[in-house]
Every structure is written in structure tokens, then in C-alpha cells.
């Protein structure tokens, strides 16, 4: 499941922010430090996560440890989904 989620998140980021080119996007690439996502992009990412996975991202969860890399996003999503079960 984690691999599928990681793939879906990667596809969203690639198609939305990288014009389909994910050649420089690694699982540990900082999305903000590398200018891939800005504050508006974070909101788009959160909207994608909430709609796709039926979760709620709370204000206190909007931290780099949860949303700055593909690995962080995938791990955050797994935690959110495991709490929902």
C-alpha cells in the first residue's frame, strides 16, 4: 500500500509542479528547498491528500517533517491512514 501511495503522490507532484519531468525528484528531495513547491503548492498538495485518501490534515501537522519530501509525505500518510482504521 505504501508503494502505491508513494507512486500516486509522486505522480501528483510530477504532473502538477514539474510539468511531467520527475528526473530530479528523489524520495528524499526537499520540495520546498528545491523550489518544487511553494506555500500555494503545499495547499494544493494537502487538498490532493485530503480528497484522494479521505483524511484531514490539521494545521499543527503542516510541518516539514510531514510534508517536505516524498518519504515524509508517504510516512505521514501511512500514520494518518493507520489512525483512521
PDB file of N, CA and C in Angstrom:
ATOM      1  N   UNK A   1       0.827  -1.197   0.000  1.00  0.00           N
ATOM      2  CA  UNK A   1       0.000   0.000   0.000  1.00  0.00           C
ATOM      3  C   UNK A   1       0.865   1.252   0.000  1.00  0.00           C
ATOM      4  N   UNK A   2       1.945   1.240   0.816  1.00  0.00           N
ATOM      5  CA  UNK A   2       2.814   2.416   0.882  1.00  0.00           C
ATOM      6  C   UNK A   2       3.430   2.726  -0.470  1.00  0.00           C
ATOM      7  N   UNK A   3       3.814   1.691  -1.209  1.00  0.00           N
ATOM      8  CA  UNK A   3       4.399   1.898  -2.520  1.00  0.00           C
ATOM      9  C   UNK A   3       3.396   2.516  -3.474  1.00  0.00           C
ATOM     10  N   UNK A   4       2.157   2.057  -3.431  1.00  0.00           N
ATOM     11  CA  UNK A   4       1.110   2.617  -4.273  1.00  0.00           C
ATOM     12  C   UNK A   4       0.853   4.071  -3.916  1.00  0.00           C
ATOM     13  N   UNK A   5       0.798   4.374  -2.619  1.00  0.00           N
ATOM     14  CA  UNK A   5       0.588   5.754  -2.188  1.00  0.00           C
ATOM     15  C   UNK A   5       1.745   6.636  -2.630  1.00  0.00           C
ATOM     16  N   UNK A   6       2.979   6.154  -2.462  1.00  0.00           N
ATOM     17  CA  UNK A   6       4.153   6.918  -2.868  1.00  0.00           C
ATOM     18  C   UNK A   6       4.090   7.198  -4.363  1.00  0.00           C
ATOM     19  N   UNK A   7       3.699   6.219  -5.163  1.00  0.00           N
ATOM     20  CA  UNK A   7       3.594   6.400  -6.612  1.00  0.00           C
ATOM     21  C   UNK A   7       2.541   7.453  -6.946  1.00  0.00           C
ATOM     22  N   UNK A   8       1.384   7.388  -6.291  1.00  0.00           N
ATOM     23  CA  UNK A   8       0.318   8.359  -6.568  1.00  0.00           C
ATOM     24  C   UNK A   8       0.749   9.775  -6.186  1.00  0.00           C
ATOM     25  N   UNK A   9       1.429   9.914  -5.067  1.00  0.00           N
ATOM     26  CA  UNK A   9       1.903  11.230  -4.627  1.00  0.00           C
ATOM     27  C   UNK A   9       2.961  11.745  -5.599  1.00  0.00           C
ATOM     28  N   UNK A  10       3.875  10.873  -6.002  1.00  0.00           N
ATOM     29  CA  UNK A  10       4.905  11.258  -6.974  1.00  0.00           C
ATOM     30  C   UNK A  10       4.257  11.730  -8.276  1.00  0.00           C
ATOM     31  N   UNK A  11       3.272  10.992  -8.746  1.00  0.00           N
ATOM     32  CA  UNK A  11       2.589  11.373  -9.992  1.00  0.00           C
ATOM     33  C   UNK A  11       1.917  12.734  -9.842  1.00  0.00           C
ATOM     34  N   UNK A  12       1.274  12.973  -8.708  1.00  0.00           N
ATOM     35  CA  UNK A  12       0.623  14.269  -8.492  1.00  0.00           C
ATOM     36  C   UNK A  12       1.656  15.397  -8.525  1.00  0.00           C
ATOM     37  N   UNK A  13       2.744  15.242  -7.802  1.00  0.00           N
ATOM     38  CA  UNK A  13       3.779  16.285  -7.753  1.00  0.00           C
ATOM     39  C   UNK A  13       4.403  16.485  -9.126  1.00  0.00           C
ATOM     40  N   UNK A  14       4.695  15.398  -9.799  1.00  0.00           N
ATOM     41  CA  UNK A  14       5.313  15.489 -11.129  1.00  0.00           C
ATOM     42  C   UNK A  14       4.386  16.202 -12.106  1.00  0.00           C
ATOM     43  N   UNK A  15       3.147  15.813 -12.135  1.00  0.00           N
ATOM     44  CA  UNK A  15       2.214  16.397 -13.105  1.00  0.00           C
ATOM     45  C   UNK A  15       1.807  17.822 -12.747  1.00  0.00           C
ATOM     46  N   UNK A  16       1.728  18.120 -11.456  1.00  0.00           N
ATOM     47  CA  UNK A  16       1.246  19.431 -11.024  1.00  0.00           C
ATOM     48  C   UNK A  16       2.355  20.481 -10.976  1.00  0.00           C
ATOM     49  N   UNK A  17       3.563  20.072 -10.548  1.00  0.00           N
ATOM     50  CA  UNK A  17       4.610  21.067 -10.305  1.00  0.00           C
ATOM     51  C   UNK A  17       5.843  20.921 -11.192  1.00  0.00           C
ATOM     52  N   UNK A  18       6.021  19.780 -11.819  1.00  0.00           N
ATOM     53  CA  UNK A  18       7.254  19.544 -12.587  1.00  0.00           C
ATOM     54  C   UNK A  18       6.988  19.325 -14.072  1.00  0.00           C
ATOM     55  N   UNK A  19       5.821  19.638 -14.530  1.00  0.00           N
ATOM     56  CA  UNK A  19       5.474  19.521 -15.950  1.00  0.00           C
ATOM     57  C   UNK A  19       5.789  18.139 -16.505  1.00  0.00           C
ATOM     58  N   UNK A  20       5.595  17.124 -15.696  1.00  0.00           N
ATOM     59  CA  UNK A  20       5.754  15.743 -16.148  1.00  0.00           C
ATOM     60  C   UNK A  20       7.171  15.194 -16.091  1.00  0.00           C
ATOM     61  N   UNK A  21       8.148  15.999 -15.683  1.00  0.00           N
ATOM     62  CA  UNK A  21       9.547  15.554 -15.631  1.00  0.00           C
ATOM     63  C   UNK A  21       9.977  15.318 -14.186  1.00  0.00           C
ATOM     64  N   UNK A  22      10.073  14.057 -13.774  1.00  0.00           N
ATOM     65  CA  UNK A  22      10.465  13.757 -12.392  1.00  0.00           C
ATOM     66  C   UNK A  22      11.918  13.320 -12.281  1.00  0.00           C
ATOM     67  N   UNK A  23      12.731  13.655 -13.283  1.00  0.00           N
ATOM     68  CA  UNK A  23      14.129  13.192 -13.307  1.00  0.00           C
ATOM     69  C   UNK A  23      14.942  13.697 -12.115  1.00  0.00           C
ATOM     70  N   UNK A  24      14.587  14.826 -11.529  1.00  0.00           N
ATOM     71  CA  UNK A  24      15.337  15.359 -10.395  1.00  0.00           C
ATOM     72  C   UNK A  24      14.614  15.157  -9.070  1.00  0.00           C
ATOM     73  N   UNK A  25      13.528  14.409  -9.091  1.00  0.00           N
ATOM     74  CA  UNK A  25      12.745  14.179  -7.883  1.00  0.00           C
ATOM     75  C   UNK A  25      13.077  12.818  -7.293  1.00  0.00           C
ATOM     76  N   UNK A  26      13.785  12.845  -6.179  1.00  0.00           N
ATOM     77  CA  UNK A  26      14.099  11.619  -5.446  1.00  0.00           C
ATOM     78  C   UNK A  26      13.185  11.551  -4.222  1.00  0.00           C
ATOM     79  N   UNK A  27      13.138  10.398  -3.599  1.00  0.00           N
ATOM     80  CA  UNK A  27      12.268  10.246  -2.425  1.00  0.00           C
ATOM     81  C   UNK A  27      12.670  11.151  -1.264  1.00  0.00           C
ATOM     82  N   UNK A  28      13.948  11.571  -1.223  1.00  0.00           N
ATOM     83  CA  UNK A  28      14.401  12.441  -0.138  1.00  0.00           C
ATOM     84  C   UNK A  28      14.684  13.876  -0.595  1.00  0.00           C
ATOM     85  N   UNK A  29      14.232  14.250  -1.776  1.00  0.00           N
ATOM     86  CA  UNK A  29      14.402  15.614  -2.275  1.00  0.00           C
ATOM     87  C   UNK A  29      13.482  16.556  -1.505  1.00  0.00           C
ATOM     88  N   UNK A  30      14.061  17.637  -0.959  1.00  0.00           N
ATOM     89  CA  UNK A  30      13.239  18.633  -0.270  1.00  0.00           C
ATOM     90  C   UNK A  30      12.433  19.410  -1.304  1.00  0.00           C
ATOM     91  N   UNK A  31      11.129  19.349  -1.172  1.00  0.00           N
ATOM     92  CA  UNK A  31      10.254  20.007  -2.148  1.00  0.00           C
ATOM     93  C   UNK A  31      10.314  21.524  -2.022  1.00  0.00           C
ATOM     94  N   UNK A  32      10.438  22.020  -0.820  1.00  0.00           N
ATOM     95  CA  UNK A  32      10.465  23.477  -0.628  1.00  0.00           C
ATOM     96  C   UNK A  32      11.864  24.050  -0.868  1.00  0.00           C
ATOM     97  N   UNK A  33      12.887  23.407  -0.347  1.00  0.00           N
ATOM     98  CA  UNK A  33      14.253  23.922  -0.509  1.00  0.00           C
ATOM     99  C   UNK A  33      14.693  23.916  -1.961  1.00  0.00           C
ATOM    100  N   UNK A  34      14.137  23.018  -2.760  1.00  0.00           N
ATOM    101  CA  UNK A  34      14.485  22.936  -4.173  1.00  0.00           C
ATOM    102  C   UNK A  34      13.498  23.693  -5.061  1.00  0.00           C
ATOM    103  N   UNK A  35      12.603  24.442  -4.459  1.00  0.00           N
ATOM    104  CA  UNK A  35      11.688  25.278  -5.229  1.00  0.00           C
ATOM    105  C   UNK A  35      10.644  24.514  -6.027  1.00  0.00           C
ATOM    106  N   UNK A  36      10.411  23.266  -5.676  1.00  0.00           N
ATOM    107  CA  UNK A  36       9.414  22.470  -6.393  1.00  0.00           C
ATOM    108  C   UNK A  36       8.013  22.885  -5.966  1.00  0.00           C
ATOM    109  N   UNK A  37       7.837  23.131  -4.688  1.00  0.00           N
ATOM    110  CA  UNK A  37       6.541  23.521  -4.143  1.00  0.00           C
ATOM    111  C   UNK A  37       6.714  24.769  -3.279  1.00  0.00           C
ATOM    112  N   UNK A  38       5.836  25.745  -3.474  1.00  0.00           N
ATOM    113  CA  UNK A  38       5.815  26.924  -2.604  1.00  0.00           C
ATOM    114  C   UNK A  38       4.606  26.808  -1.675  1.00  0.00           C
ATOM    115  N   UNK A  39       4.284  27.873  -0.965  1.00  0.00           N
ATOM    116  CA  UNK A  39       3.186  27.802   0.005  1.00  0.00           C
ATOM    117  C   UNK A  39       1.846  27.482  -0.658  1.00  0.00           C
ATOM    118  N   UNK A  40       1.626  28.009  -1.843  1.00  0.00           N
ATOM    119  CA  UNK A  40       0.397  27.681  -2.574  1.00  0.00           C
ATOM    120  C   UNK A  40       0.401  26.217  -2.988  1.00  0.00           C
ATOM    121  N   UNK A  41       1.559  25.729  -3.371  1.00  0.00           N
ATOM    122  CA  UNK A  41       1.690  24.328  -3.748  1.00  0.00           C
ATOM    123  C   UNK A  41       1.427  23.395  -2.581  1.00  0.00           C
ATOM    124  N   UNK A  42       1.853  23.806  -1.393  1.00  0.00           N
ATOM    125  CA  UNK A  42       1.573  22.997  -0.202  1.00  0.00           C
ATOM    126  C   UNK A  42       0.063  22.852  -0.026  1.00  0.00           C
ATOM    127  N   UNK A  43      -0.660  23.942  -0.244  1.00  0.00           N
ATOM    128  CA  UNK A  43      -2.122  23.871  -0.116  1.00  0.00           C
ATOM    129  C   UNK A  43      -2.720  22.930  -1.162  1.00  0.00           C
ATOM    130  N   UNK A  44      -2.182  22.959  -2.383  1.00  0.00           N
ATOM    131  CA  UNK A  44      -2.647  22.035  -3.423  1.00  0.00           C
ATOM    132  C   UNK A  44      -2.346  20.595  -3.039  1.00  0.00           C
ATOM    133  N   UNK A  45      -1.158  20.362  -2.481  1.00  0.00           N
ATOM    134  CA  UNK A  45      -0.775  19.019  -2.045  1.00  0.00           C
ATOM    135  C   UNK A  45      -1.705  18.529  -0.941  1.00  0.00           C
ATOM    136  N   UNK A  46      -1.995  19.378   0.009  1.00  0.00           N
ATOM    137  CA  UNK A  46      -2.886  19.000   1.099  1.00  0.00           C
ATOM    138  C   UNK A  46      -4.282  18.676   0.567  1.00  0.00           C
ATOM    139  N   UNK A  47      -4.764  19.498  -0.335  1.00  0.00           N
ATOM    140  CA  UNK A  47      -6.076  19.238  -0.935  1.00  0.00           C
ATOM    141  C   UNK A  47      -6.085  17.885  -1.642  1.00  0.00           C
ATOM    142  N   UNK A  48      -5.006  17.589  -2.371  1.00  0.00           N
ATOM    143  CA  UNK A  48      -4.884  16.285  -3.039  1.00  0.00           C
ATOM    144  C   UNK A  48      -4.918  15.149  -2.023  1.00  0.00           C
ATOM    145  N   UNK A  49      -4.141  15.268  -0.961  1.00  0.00           N
ATOM    146  CA  UNK A  49      -4.090  14.207   0.051  1.00  0.00           C
ATOM    147  C   UNK A  49      -5.453  14.008   0.704  1.00  0.00           C
ATOM    148  N   UNK A  50      -6.102  15.107   1.054  1.00  0.00           N
ATOM    149  CA  UNK A  50      -7.396  15.006   1.733  1.00  0.00           C
ATOM    150  C   UNK A  50      -8.463  14.389   0.829  1.00  0.00           C
ATOM    151  N   UNK A  51      -8.485  14.800  -0.418  1.00  0.00           N
ATOM    152  CA  UNK A  51      -9.510  14.286  -1.335  1.00  0.00           C
ATOM    153  C   UNK A  51      -9.229  12.851  -1.766  1.00  0.00           C
ATOM    154  N   UNK A  52      -7.967  12.551  -2.027  1.00  0.00           N
ATOM    155  CA  UNK A  52      -7.615  11.221  -2.541  1.00  0.00           C
ATOM    156  C   UNK A  52      -7.711  10.154  -1.462  1.00  0.00           C
ATOM    157  N   UNK A  53      -7.273  10.496  -0.234  1.00  0.00           N
ATOM    158  CA  UNK A  53      -7.184   9.485   0.817  1.00  0.00           C
ATOM    159  C   UNK A  53      -8.220   9.666   1.924  1.00  0.00           C
ATOM    160  N   UNK A  54      -9.116  10.625   1.746  1.00  0.00           N
ATOM    161  CA  UNK A  54     -10.190  10.858   2.725  1.00  0.00           C
ATOM    162  C   UNK A  54      -9.634  11.064   4.129  1.00  0.00           C
ATOM    163  N   UNK A  55      -8.636  11.932   4.230  1.00  0.00           N
ATOM    164  CA  UNK A  55      -8.055  12.274   5.529  1.00  0.00           C
ATOM    165  C   UNK A  55      -8.236  13.764   5.756  1.00  0.00           C
ATOM    166  N   UNK A  56      -7.973  14.203   6.979  1.00  0.00           N
ATOM    167  CA  UNK A  56      -7.966  15.625   7.309  1.00  0.00           C
ATOM    168  C   UNK A  56      -6.568  15.984   7.804  1.00  0.00           C
ATOM    169  N   UNK A  57      -5.941  16.965   7.169  1.00  0.00           N
ATOM    170  CA  UNK A  57      -4.631  17.448   7.599  1.00  0.00           C
ATOM    171  C   UNK A  57      -4.856  18.678   8.469  1.00  0.00           C
ATOM    172  N   UNK A  58      -4.471  18.589   9.728  1.00  0.00           N
ATOM    173  CA  UNK A  58      -4.681  19.677  10.679  1.00  0.00           C
ATOM    174  C   UNK A  58      -3.535  20.683  10.612  1.00  0.00           C
ATOM    175  N   UNK A  59      -3.817  21.905  11.036  1.00  0.00           N
ATOM    176  CA  UNK A  59      -2.820  22.980  10.975  1.00  0.00           C
ATOM    177  C   UNK A  59      -1.504  22.588  11.648  1.00  0.00           C
ATOM    178  N   UNK A  60      -1.583  21.936  12.786  1.00  0.00           N
ATOM    179  CA  UNK A  60      -0.366  21.576  13.515  1.00  0.00           C
ATOM    180  C   UNK A  60       0.445  20.491  12.804  1.00  0.00           C
ATOM    181  N   UNK A  61      -0.121  19.879  11.776  1.00  0.00           N
ATOM    182  CA  UNK A  61       0.584  18.849  11.006  1.00  0.00           C
ATOM    183  C   UNK A  61       1.306  19.425   9.791  1.00  0.00           C
ATOM    184  N   UNK A  62       1.158  20.729   9.564  1.00  0.00           N
ATOM    185  CA  UNK A  62       1.783  21.379   8.411  1.00  0.00           C
ATOM    186  C   UNK A  62       3.232  21.737   8.720  1.00  0.00           C
ATOM    187  N   UNK A  63       4.052  20.720   8.858  1.00  0.00           N
ATOM    188  CA  UNK A  63       5.466  20.900   9.188  1.00  0.00           C
ATOM    189  C   UNK A  63       6.303  20.109   8.186  1.00  0.00           C
ATOM    190  N   UNK A  64       7.550  20.548   7.972  1.00  0.00           N
ATOM    191  CA  UNK A  64       8.410  19.850   7.006  1.00  0.00           C
ATOM    192  C   UNK A  64       8.577  18.363   7.297  1.00  0.00           C
ATOM    193  N   UNK A  65       8.583  17.988   8.560  1.00  0.00           N
ATOM    194  CA  UNK A  65       8.752  16.578   8.905  1.00  0.00           C
ATOM    195  C   UNK A  65       7.618  15.718   8.340  1.00  0.00           C
ATOM    196  N   UNK A  66       6.514  16.334   7.995  1.00  0.00           N
ATOM    197  CA  UNK A  66       5.386  15.597   7.413  1.00  0.00           C
ATOM    198  C   UNK A  66       5.260  15.775   5.908  1.00  0.00           C
ATOM    199  N   UNK A  67       5.688  16.932   5.384  1.00  0.00           N
ATOM    200  CA  UNK A  67       5.299  17.266   4.009  1.00  0.00           C
ATOM    201  C   UNK A  67       6.427  17.729   3.099  1.00  0.00           C
ATOM    202  N   UNK A  68       7.688  17.649   3.509  1.00  0.00           N
ATOM    203  CA  UNK A  68       8.741  18.244   2.690  1.00  0.00           C
ATOM    204  C   UNK A  68       9.393  17.312   1.679  1.00  0.00           C
ATOM    205  N   UNK A  69       9.259  16.008   1.846  1.00  0.00           N
ATOM    206  CA  UNK A  69       9.837  15.063   0.881  1.00  0.00           C
ATOM    207  C   UNK A  69       8.801  13.979   0.578  1.00  0.00           C
ATOM    208  N   UNK A  70       9.033  13.240  -0.489  1.00  0.00           N
ATOM    209  CA  UNK A  70       8.124  12.125  -0.799  1.00  0.00           C
ATOM    210  C   UNK A  70       8.111  11.122   0.349  1.00  0.00           C
ATOM    211  N   UNK A  71       9.291  10.828   0.896  1.00  0.00           N
ATOM    212  CA  UNK A  71       9.360   9.894   2.030  1.00  0.00           C
ATOM    213  C   UNK A  71       8.538  10.411   3.208  1.00  0.00           C
ATOM    214  N   UNK A  72       8.723  11.697   3.540  1.00  0.00           N
ATOM    215  CA  UNK A  72       7.982  12.268   4.668  1.00  0.00           C
ATOM    216  C   UNK A  72       6.476  12.233   4.424  1.00  0.00           C
ATOM    217  N   UNK A  73       6.068  12.565   3.221  1.00  0.00           N
ATOM    218  CA  UNK A  73       4.634  12.573   2.893  1.00  0.00           C
ATOM    219  C   UNK A  73       4.068  11.154   2.991  1.00  0.00           C
ATOM    220  N   UNK A  74       4.786  10.192   2.440  1.00  0.00           N
ATOM    221  CA  UNK A  74       4.316   8.803   2.482  1.00  0.00           C
ATOM    222  C   UNK A  74       4.200   8.294   3.913  1.00  0.00           C
ATOM    223  N   UNK A  75       5.206   8.599   4.739  1.00  0.00           N
ATOM    224  CA  UNK A  75       5.170   8.155   6.136  1.00  0.00           C
ATOM    225  C   UNK A  75       4.038   8.859   6.895  1.00  0.00           C
ATOM    226  N   UNK A  76       3.877  10.146   6.640  1.00  0.00           N
ATOM    227  CA  UNK A  76       2.783  10.893   7.268  1.00  0.00           C
ATOM    228  C   UNK A  76       1.439  10.296   6.856  1.00  0.00           C
ATOM    229  N   UNK A  77       1.277  10.019   5.583  1.00  0.00           N
ATOM    230  CA  UNK A  77       0.026   9.442   5.093  1.00  0.00           C
ATOM    231  C   UNK A  77      -0.234   8.078   5.729  1.00  0.00           C
ATOM    232  N   UNK A  78       0.797   7.263   5.829  1.00  0.00           N
ATOM    233  CA  UNK A  78       0.621   5.948   6.455  1.00  0.00           C
ATOM    234  C   UNK A  78       0.160   6.086   7.903  1.00  0.00           C
ATOM    235  N   UNK A  79       0.735   7.040   8.621  1.00  0.00           N
ATOM    236  CA  UNK A  79       0.309   7.264  10.008  1.00  0.00           C
ATOM    237  C   UNK A  79      -1.155   7.708  10.052  1.00  0.00           C
ATOM    238  N   UNK A  80      -1.514   8.628   9.154  1.00  0.00           N
ATOM    239  CA  UNK A  80      -2.892   9.122   9.129  1.00  0.00           C
ATOM    240  C   UNK A  80      -3.865   7.997   8.796  1.00  0.00           C
ATOM    241  N   UNK A  81      -3.522   7.180   7.824  1.00  0.00           N
ATOM    242  CA  UNK A  81      -4.415   6.101   7.406  1.00  0.00           C
ATOM    243  C   UNK A  81      -4.519   5.026   8.483  1.00  0.00           C
ATOM    244  N   UNK A  82      -3.431   4.770   9.191  1.00  0.00           N
ATOM    245  CA  UNK A  82      -3.493   3.749  10.241  1.00  0.00           C
ATOM    246  C   UNK A  82      -4.346   4.224  11.421  1.00  0.00           C
ATOM    247  N   UNK A  83      -4.381   5.526  11.670  1.00  0.00           N
ATOM    248  CA  UNK A  83      -5.236   6.072  12.733  1.00  0.00           C
ATOM    249  C   UNK A  83      -6.703   6.023  12.347  1.00  0.00           C
ATOM    250  N   UNK A  84      -6.973   6.075  11.053  1.00  0.00           N
ATOM    251  CA  UNK A  84      -8.351   6.088  10.570  1.00  0.00           C
ATOM    252  C   UNK A  84      -8.983   4.712  10.612  1.00  0.00           C
ATOM    253  N   UNK A  85      -8.163   3.667  10.691  1.00  0.00           N
ATOM    254  CA  UNK A  85      -8.709   2.297  10.671  1.00  0.00           C
ATOM    255  C   UNK A  85      -9.329   1.935  11.988  1.00  0.00           C
TER     256      UNK A  85
END
